[in-house]
Amino acid sequence: MRRRMIARALVAAAAAAGLALAGAGSTSAASQYAWVHESFNNDVCVANWSEVTTGGANNGGYTASVVNTWFNNHCSQHIPRPANSVRVRTDILAFDLDTGIWFVCWSSPYAVNVNGQYQVGTYYNINRYCNKPGEGRWYANNTLAEAKNIAGSWRGGWLASGNEWVGPAFAAAATAVKPKEPKIGIRQAIERGDVRTGSPTGPKLPRSFFEGKTAAPPALNLNPAANVPTKASATPRP
């Protein structure tokens, strides 16, 4: 199956799995859904769904991060997977308007599958972890989706969602003031090594922090009492 045909199959699979592509109803979203690992040898294929969206609890916005796996005949078949063989995690990045800097405001632990699950998703309420009280920000979601192949090695990769403005909690999305979108996206900022951790004045993070990791860093614990996903599901849907 050629790459273009695989792309069409991936979109069809997303719809079949009940994944709403980019924003339904009165909410808006920035999202990407793509293969991050392909196999033509009847081995594991890994798809990554990375989204940041408005709405949610108190209009505080949330991220969606989903890993989905296929096997056999060029990524065409779901097969039940053993426990701890499918995992997903996310870095939520915020853009500081005053300094023009992207920074990681929340770095999650892995969400892993239980026996039989071939798809795992996790969702985080942005206002709960990142939003400044009474203010909005531009956000992006950087998702790592991975699964073990037949040999037991992790395969997968990162996918950035794109940028979405999330206004202050409790504010109506239609009335919240929305400044211009950042000229520099998170992929460019990551490649330059210009992303910081914890705040716009925190330490710079090297590109290697976001790429090529096989283990998740510890959570930033900016709000330890709230360090749990808003929801998690084997068949996730925002």
C-alpha atoms as a PDB file:
ATOM      1  CA  MET A   1       0.000   0.000   0.000  1.00  0.00           C
ATOM      2  CA  ARG A   2       1.439   3.364  -1.004  1.00  0.00           C
ATOM      3  CA  ARG A   3       1.748   6.268   1.411  1.00  0.00           C
ATOM      4  CA  ARG A   4      -1.181   8.181  -0.109  1.00  0.00           C
ATOM      5  CA  MET A   5      -3.416   5.141   0.215  1.00  0.00           C
ATOM      6  CA  ILE A   6      -2.216   4.655   3.793  1.00  0.00           C
ATOM      7  CA  ALA A   7      -3.104   8.264   4.586  1.00  0.00           C
ATOM      8  CA  ARG A   8      -6.645   7.732   3.314  1.00  0.00           C
ATOM      9  CA  ALA A   9      -6.883   4.492   5.295  1.00  0.00           C
ATOM     10  CA  LEU A  10      -5.706   6.305   8.433  1.00  0.00           C
ATOM     11  CA  VAL A  11      -8.421   8.953   8.136  1.00  0.00           C
ATOM     12  CA  ALA A  12     -11.019   6.246   7.578  1.00  0.00           C
ATOM     13  CA  ALA A  13      -9.735   4.346  10.611  1.00  0.00           C
ATOM     14  CA  ALA A  14      -9.960   7.511  12.724  1.00  0.00           C
ATOM     15  CA  ALA A  15     -13.589   7.940  11.758  1.00  0.00           C
ATOM     16  CA  ALA A  16     -14.327   4.277  12.428  1.00  0.00           C
ATOM     17  CA  ALA A  17     -12.748   4.568  15.874  1.00  0.00           C
ATOM     18  CA  GLY A  18     -14.995   7.524  16.705  1.00  0.00           C
ATOM     19  CA  LEU A  19     -12.252  10.149  16.715  1.00  0.00           C
ATOM     20  CA  ALA A  20     -13.727  13.555  15.860  1.00  0.00           C
ATOM     21  CA  LEU A  21     -11.351  15.212  13.406  1.00  0.00           C
ATOM     22  CA  ALA A  22     -10.639  18.791  14.475  1.00  0.00           C
ATOM     23  CA  GLY A  23     -13.344  20.355  16.484  1.00  0.00           C
ATOM     24  CA  ALA A  24     -17.031  19.664  16.674  1.00  0.00           C
ATOM     25  CA  GLY A  25     -19.901  21.818  17.837  1.00  0.00           C
ATOM     26  CA  SER A  26     -19.023  25.264  19.220  1.00  0.00           C
ATOM     27  CA  THR A  27     -15.453  24.375  20.090  1.00  0.00           C
ATOM     28  CA  SER A  28     -12.397  24.804  17.880  1.00  0.00           C
ATOM     29  CA  ALA A  29      -9.262  22.703  17.772  1.00  0.00           C
ATOM     30  CA  ALA A  30      -5.818  22.268  16.284  1.00  0.00           C
ATOM     31  CA  SER A  31      -5.068  18.619  15.635  1.00  0.00           C
ATOM     32  CA  GLN A  32      -2.958  16.194  13.657  1.00  0.00           C
ATOM     33  CA  TYR A  33      -3.480  12.468  13.062  1.00  0.00           C
ATOM     34  CA  ALA A  34      -0.650  10.640  11.308  1.00  0.00           C
ATOM     35  CA  TRP A  35       1.468   7.514  11.149  1.00  0.00           C
ATOM     36  CA  VAL A  36       4.582   7.814  13.313  1.00  0.00           C
ATOM     37  CA  HIS A  37       5.754   4.296  12.508  1.00  0.00           C
ATOM     38  CA  GLU A  38       4.889   2.177   9.465  1.00  0.00           C
ATOM     39  CA  SER A  39       5.783  -1.426   8.696  1.00  0.00           C
ATOM     40  CA  PHE A  40       5.479  -3.426   5.505  1.00  0.00           C
ATOM     41  CA  ASN A  41       6.644  -6.670   7.098  1.00  0.00           C
ATOM     42  CA  ASN A  42       3.493  -7.620   9.022  1.00  0.00           C
ATOM     43  CA  ASP A  43       4.799  -5.854  12.106  1.00  0.00           C
ATOM     44  CA  VAL A  44       3.359  -3.049  14.236  1.00  0.00           C
ATOM     45  CA  CYS A  45       2.172   0.249  12.757  1.00  0.00           C
ATOM     46  CA  VAL A  46       1.655   3.194  15.121  1.00  0.00           C
ATOM     47  CA  ALA A  47      -0.657   6.181  14.608  1.00  0.00           C
ATOM     48  CA  ASN A  48      -0.553   9.333  16.711  1.00  0.00           C
ATOM     49  CA  TRP A  49      -3.474  11.681  17.417  1.00  0.00           C
ATOM     50  CA  SER A  50      -2.416  15.019  18.925  1.00  0.00           C
ATOM     51  CA  GLU A  51      -4.940  17.767  19.648  1.00  0.00           C
ATOM     52  CA  VAL A  52      -5.465  20.917  21.672  1.00  0.00           C
ATOM     53  CA  THR A  53      -8.993  22.300  21.798  1.00  0.00           C
ATOM     54  CA  THR A  54     -11.223  24.900  23.411  1.00  0.00           C
ATOM     55  CA  GLY A  55     -14.274  24.036  25.454  1.00  0.00           C
ATOM     56  CA  GLY A  56     -14.166  21.366  28.132  1.00  0.00           C
ATOM     57  CA  ALA A  57     -14.711  22.076  31.819  1.00  0.00           C
ATOM     58  CA  ASN A  58     -15.375  25.795  32.386  1.00  0.00           C
ATOM     59  CA  ASN A  59     -14.246  26.469  28.785  1.00  0.00           C
ATOM     60  CA  GLY A  60     -10.734  25.877  30.083  1.00  0.00           C
ATOM     61  CA  GLY A  61      -9.597  23.826  27.077  1.00  0.00           C
ATOM     62  CA  TYR A  62      -8.045  20.392  27.006  1.00  0.00           C
ATOM     63  CA  THR A  63      -5.555  18.236  25.142  1.00  0.00           C
ATOM     64  CA  ALA A  64      -6.222  14.859  23.555  1.00  0.00           C
ATOM     65  CA  SER A  65      -3.390  12.387  22.983  1.00  0.00           C
ATOM     66  CA  VAL A  66      -4.126   8.975  21.465  1.00  0.00           C
ATOM     67  CA  VAL A  67      -1.982   6.075  20.284  1.00  0.00           C
ATOM     68  CA  ASN A  68      -3.562   3.566  17.904  1.00  0.00           C
ATOM     69  CA  THR A  69      -1.933   0.384  16.564  1.00  0.00           C
ATOM     70  CA  TRP A  70      -2.326  -1.913  13.587  1.00  0.00           C
ATOM     71  CA  PHE A  71      -0.656  -5.081  12.343  1.00  0.00           C
ATOM     72  CA  ASN A  72      -0.561  -7.212   9.195  1.00  0.00           C
ATOM     73  CA  ASN A  73      -1.082  -6.454   5.528  1.00  0.00           C
ATOM     74  CA  HIS A  74       0.440  -2.995   5.635  1.00  0.00           C
ATOM     75  CA  CYS A  75      -1.261  -1.549   8.700  1.00  0.00           C
ATOM     76  CA  SER A  76      -4.768  -2.837   8.069  1.00  0.00           C
ATOM     77  CA  GLN A  77      -5.786  -4.885  11.117  1.00  0.00           C
ATOM     78  CA  HIS A  78      -6.286  -4.237  14.823  1.00  0.00           C
ATOM     79  CA  ILE A  79      -4.991  -7.033  17.045  1.00  0.00           C
ATOM     80  CA  PRO A  80      -5.418  -7.229  20.852  1.00  0.00           C
ATOM     81  CA  ARG A  81      -2.149  -6.260  22.491  1.00  0.00           C
ATOM     82  CA  PRO A  82      -0.624  -7.561  25.722  1.00  0.00           C
ATOM     83  CA  ALA A  83      -0.550  -5.265  28.725  1.00  0.00           C
ATOM     84  CA  ASN A  84       2.158  -2.574  28.843  1.00  0.00           C
ATOM     85  CA  SER A  85       2.848  -2.766  25.102  1.00  0.00           C
ATOM     86  CA  VAL A  86       1.040   0.433  23.988  1.00  0.00           C
ATOM     87  CA  ARG A  87       1.663   3.829  25.562  1.00  0.00           C
ATOM     88  CA  VAL A  88       1.129   7.564  25.072  1.00  0.00           C
ATOM     89  CA  ARG A  89       2.267  10.746  26.805  1.00  0.00           C
ATOM     90  CA  THR A  90       2.141  14.464  26.170  1.00  0.00           C
ATOM     91  CA  ASP A  91       3.918  17.744  26.685  1.00  0.00           C
ATOM     92  CA  ILE A  92       1.572  20.749  26.832  1.00  0.00           C
ATOM     93  CA  LEU A  93       3.319  23.868  25.582  1.00  0.00           C
ATOM     94  CA  ALA A  94       2.172  27.444  26.210  1.00  0.00           C
ATOM     95  CA  PHE A  95       3.185  30.622  24.410  1.00  0.00           C
ATOM     96  CA  ASP A  96       4.032  33.674  26.507  1.00  0.00           C
ATOM     97  CA  LEU A  97       2.864  36.810  24.695  1.00  0.00           C
ATOM     98  CA  ASP A  98       5.136  39.152  26.651  1.00  0.00           C
ATOM     99  CA  THR A  99       8.396  37.355  25.848  1.00  0.00           C
ATOM    100  CA  GLY A 100       7.485  35.485  22.653  1.00  0.00           C
ATOM    101  CA  ILE A 101       8.655  32.205  24.201  1.00  0.00           C
ATOM    102  CA  TRP A 102       7.162  28.707  24.111  1.00  0.00           C
ATOM    103  CA  PHE A 103       7.506  26.749  27.340  1.00  0.00           C
ATOM    104  CA  VAL A 104       6.424  23.359  28.666  1.00  0.00           C
ATOM    105  CA  CYS A 105       3.772  23.953  31.294  1.00  0.00           C
ATOM    106  CA  TRP A 106       2.899  20.273  31.821  1.00  0.00           C
ATOM    107  CA  SER A 107       4.796  17.080  31.033  1.00  0.00           C
ATOM    108  CA  SER A 108       2.709  13.978  31.634  1.00  0.00           C
ATOM    109  CA  PRO A 109       3.580  10.451  32.667  1.00  0.00           C
ATOM    110  CA  TYR A 110       2.773   7.598  30.299  1.00  0.00           C
ATOM    111  CA  ALA A 111      -0.721   6.182  29.962  1.00  0.00           C
ATOM    112  CA  VAL A 112      -0.338   2.477  29.113  1.00  0.00           C
ATOM    113  CA  ASN A 113      -2.701  -0.214  27.884  1.00  0.00           C
ATOM    114  CA  VAL A 114      -4.133  -3.070  29.868  1.00  0.00           C
ATOM    115  CA  ASN A 115      -4.413  -6.548  28.419  1.00  0.00           C
ATOM    116  CA  GLY A 116      -6.143  -6.625  25.022  1.00  0.00           C
ATOM    117  CA  GLN A 117      -6.196  -2.880  24.308  1.00  0.00           C
ATOM    118  CA  TYR A 118      -4.687  -1.730  21.010  1.00  0.00           C
ATOM    119  CA  GLN A 119      -5.562   1.965  21.540  1.00  0.00           C
ATOM    120  CA  VAL A 120      -4.911   4.239  24.516  1.00  0.00           C
ATOM    121  CA  GLY A 121      -5.854   7.873  25.025  1.00  0.00           C
ATOM    122  CA  THR A 122      -5.391  10.489  27.703  1.00  0.00           C
ATOM    123  CA  TYR A 123      -6.882  13.968  28.156  1.00  0.00           C
ATOM    124  CA  TYR A 124      -5.705  16.912  30.276  1.00  0.00           C
ATOM    125  CA  ASN A 125      -7.650  20.026  31.234  1.00  0.00           C
ATOM    126  CA  ILE A 126      -5.452  22.946  30.202  1.00  0.00           C
ATOM    127  CA  ASN A 127      -6.864  25.444  32.678  1.00  0.00           C
ATOM    128  CA  ARG A 128      -6.234  22.975  35.494  1.00  0.00           C
ATOM    129  CA  TYR A 129      -2.540  22.676  34.671  1.00  0.00           C
ATOM    130  CA  CYS A 130      -1.384  25.686  32.696  1.00  0.00           C
ATOM    131  CA  ASN A 131      -3.684  28.682  32.271  1.00  0.00           C
ATOM    132  CA  LYS A 132      -2.918  31.940  34.022  1.00  0.00           C
ATOM    133  CA  PRO A 133      -5.915  33.042  36.147  1.00  0.00           C
ATOM    134  CA  GLY A 134      -8.102  35.407  34.163  1.00  0.00           C
ATOM    135  CA  GLU A 135      -5.958  35.177  31.023  1.00  0.00           C
ATOM    136  CA  GLY A 136      -5.800  33.092  27.885  1.00  0.00           C
ATOM    137  CA  ARG A 137      -2.852  31.718  25.963  1.00  0.00           C
ATOM    138  CA  TRP A 138      -1.873  30.018  22.758  1.00  0.00           C
ATOM    139  CA  TYR A 139      -1.247  26.319  23.389  1.00  0.00           C
ATOM    140  CA  ALA A 140       0.084  23.317  21.506  1.00  0.00           C
ATOM    141  CA  ASN A 141       0.132  19.634  22.329  1.00  0.00           C
ATOM    142  CA  ASN A 142       3.197  17.498  21.583  1.00  0.00           C
ATOM    143  CA  THR A 143       2.281  13.795  21.790  1.00  0.00           C
ATOM    144  CA  LEU A 144       4.514  10.721  21.917  1.00  0.00           C
ATOM    145  CA  ALA A 145       2.756   7.540  20.738  1.00  0.00           C
ATOM    146  CA  GLU A 146       4.569   4.198  20.975  1.00  0.00           C
ATOM    147  CA  ALA A 147       3.953   0.464  20.782  1.00  0.00           C
ATOM    148  CA  LYS A 148       6.132  -2.616  21.024  1.00  0.00           C
ATOM    149  CA  ASN A 149       6.846  -4.514  17.833  1.00  0.00           C
ATOM    150  CA  ILE A 150       7.019  -8.299  17.502  1.00  0.00           C
ATOM    151  CA  ALA A 151      10.611  -8.289  18.784  1.00  0.00           C
ATOM    152  CA  GLY A 152       9.589  -6.317  21.896  1.00  0.00           C
ATOM    153  CA  SER A 153      11.196  -2.974  20.910  1.00  0.00           C
ATOM    154  CA  TRP A 154       9.340   0.313  21.221  1.00  0.00           C
ATOM    155  CA  ARG A 155       8.366   1.952  17.924  1.00  0.00           C
ATOM    156  CA  GLY A 156       6.590   5.253  17.378  1.00  0.00           C
ATOM    157  CA  GLY A 157       7.238   8.979  17.459  1.00  0.00           C
ATOM    158  CA  TRP A 158       6.196  12.512  18.303  1.00  0.00           C
ATOM    159  CA  LEU A 159       3.475  14.596  16.679  1.00  0.00           C
ATOM    160  CA  ALA A 160       2.698  18.270  17.326  1.00  0.00           C
ATOM    161  CA  SER A 161      -0.917  19.418  17.228  1.00  0.00           C
ATOM    162  CA  GLY A 162      -0.552  22.931  15.899  1.00  0.00           C
ATOM    163  CA  ASN A 163      -1.565  26.054  17.820  1.00  0.00           C
ATOM    164  CA  GLU A 164      -4.926  26.845  19.427  1.00  0.00           C
ATOM    165  CA  TRP A 165      -5.995  29.852  21.480  1.00  0.00           C
ATOM    166  CA  VAL A 166      -7.610  28.899  24.798  1.00  0.00           C
ATOM    167  CA  GLY A 167      -9.228  31.779  26.618  1.00  0.00           C
ATOM    168  CA  PRO A 168      -9.552  32.177  30.382  1.00  0.00           C
ATOM    169  CA  ALA A 169     -11.689  29.682  32.254  1.00  0.00           C
ATOM    170  CA  PHE A 170     -15.389  30.520  32.616  1.00  0.00           C
ATOM    171  CA  ALA A 171     -15.171  32.938  29.647  1.00  0.00           C
ATOM    172  CA  ALA A 172     -17.357  32.369  26.622  1.00  0.00           C
ATOM    173  CA  ALA A 173     -15.165  31.243  23.744  1.00  0.00           C
ATOM    174  CA  ALA A 174     -16.889  33.633  21.344  1.00  0.00           C
ATOM    175  CA  THR A 175     -16.203  36.707  23.503  1.00  0.00           C
ATOM    176  CA  ALA A 176     -12.653  35.932  24.687  1.00  0.00           C
ATOM    177  CA  VAL A 177     -10.029  38.258  23.195  1.00  0.00           C
ATOM    178  CA  LYS A 178      -7.820  36.319  20.779  1.00  0.00           C
ATOM    179  CA  PRO A 179      -4.425  37.825  19.883  1.00  0.00           C
ATOM    180  CA  LYS A 180      -2.527  36.984  16.718  1.00  0.00           C
ATOM    181  CA  GLU A 181      -1.139  33.480  16.406  1.00  0.00           C
ATOM    182  CA  PRO A 182       2.594  33.074  17.171  1.00  0.00           C
ATOM    183  CA  LYS A 183       4.791  33.374  14.092  1.00  0.00           C
ATOM    184  CA  ILE A 184       6.994  30.559  15.405  1.00  0.00           C
ATOM    185  CA  GLY A 185       5.325  27.182  15.929  1.00  0.00           C
ATOM    186  CA  ILE A 186       6.470  24.646  18.481  1.00  0.00           C
ATOM    187  CA  ARG A 187       8.246  22.446  15.907  1.00  0.00           C
ATOM    188  CA  GLN A 188      10.408  25.368  14.861  1.00  0.00           C
ATOM    189  CA  ALA A 189      11.002  26.392  18.473  1.00  0.00           C
ATOM    190  CA  ILE A 190      11.969  22.802  19.358  1.00  0.00           C
ATOM    191  CA  GLU A 191      14.378  22.578  16.435  1.00  0.00           C
ATOM    192  CA  ARG A 192      16.016  25.847  17.495  1.00  0.00           C
ATOM    193  CA  GLY A 193      16.284  24.760  21.122  1.00  0.00           C
ATOM    194  CA  ASP A 194      14.234  27.782  22.182  1.00  0.00           C
ATOM    195  CA  VAL A 195      11.597  25.991  24.282  1.00  0.00           C
ATOM    196  CA  ARG A 196      11.859  26.470  28.034  1.00  0.00           C
ATOM    197  CA  THR A 197      10.543  24.427  30.932  1.00  0.00           C
ATOM    198  CA  GLY A 198       8.088  25.500  33.646  1.00  0.00           C
ATOM    199  CA  SER A 199       7.917  29.178  32.684  1.00  0.00           C
ATOM    200  CA  PRO A 200       9.138  31.647  30.037  1.00  0.00           C
ATOM    201  CA  THR A 201      12.245  32.210  32.161  1.00  0.00           C
ATOM    202  CA  GLY A 202      12.932  28.552  32.929  1.00  0.00           C
ATOM    203  CA  PRO A 203      15.891  26.559  31.587  1.00  0.00           C
ATOM    204  CA  LYS A 204      16.036  25.914  27.859  1.00  0.00           C
ATOM    205  CA  LEU A 205      15.234  22.376  26.777  1.00  0.00           C
ATOM    206  CA  PRO A 206      17.462  20.705  24.172  1.00  0.00           C
ATOM    207  CA  ARG A 207      15.885  19.190  21.087  1.00  0.00           C
ATOM    208  CA  SER A 208      16.702  15.748  22.478  1.00  0.00           C
ATOM    209  CA  PHE A 209      14.180  16.327  25.298  1.00  0.00           C
ATOM    210  CA  PHE A 210      11.360  16.082  22.758  1.00  0.00           C
ATOM    211  CA  GLU A 211      12.755  13.609  20.257  1.00  0.00           C
ATOM    212  CA  GLY A 212      14.123  10.103  20.468  1.00  0.00           C
ATOM    213  CA  LYS A 213      13.111   9.475  24.078  1.00  0.00           C
ATOM    214  CA  THR A 214      12.308   5.936  25.158  1.00  0.00           C
ATOM    215  CA  ALA A 215      11.215   6.898  28.660  1.00  0.00           C
ATOM    216  CA  ALA A 216       9.112   9.751  29.963  1.00  0.00           C
ATOM    217  CA  PRO A 217      10.703  12.479  32.099  1.00  0.00           C
ATOM    218  CA  PRO A 218       9.191  13.046  35.513  1.00  0.00           C
ATOM    219  CA  ALA A 219       6.119  15.289  35.547  1.00  0.00           C
ATOM    220  CA  LEU A 220       6.832  18.958  36.239  1.00  0.00           C
ATOM    221  CA  ASN A 221       4.433  18.939  39.214  1.00  0.00           C
ATOM    222  CA  LEU A 222       3.529  22.598  38.856  1.00  0.00           C
ATOM    223  CA  ASN A 223       0.214  21.746  40.508  1.00  0.00           C
ATOM    224  CA  PRO A 224       0.812  18.443  42.365  1.00  0.00           C
ATOM    225  CA  ALA A 225      -2.748  18.153  43.661  1.00  0.00           C
ATOM    226  CA  ALA A 226      -4.065  18.094  40.106  1.00  0.00           C
ATOM    227  CA  ASN A 227      -1.582  15.680  38.537  1.00  0.00           C
ATOM    228  CA  VAL A 228      -4.104  13.224  37.170  1.00  0.00           C
ATOM    229  CA  PRO A 229      -5.676  13.018  33.707  1.00  0.00           C
ATOM    230  CA  THR A 230      -9.155  14.431  33.379  1.00  0.00           C
ATOM    231  CA  LYS A 231     -10.137  11.126  31.767  1.00  0.00           C
ATOM    232  CA  ALA A 232      -8.562   8.093  30.134  1.00  0.00           C
ATOM    233  CA  SER A 233     -10.110   5.484  27.938  1.00  0.00           C
ATOM    234  CA  ALA A 234      -9.287   2.505  25.761  1.00  0.00           C
ATOM    235  CA  THR A 235     -11.643   3.910  23.100  1.00  0.00           C
ATOM    236  CA  PRO A 236     -11.135   7.639  23.582  1.00  0.00           C
ATOM    237  CA  ARG A 237     -13.350  10.365  22.215  1.00  0.00           C
ATOM    238  CA  PRO A 238     -13.131  14.043  23.172  1.00  0.00           C
END
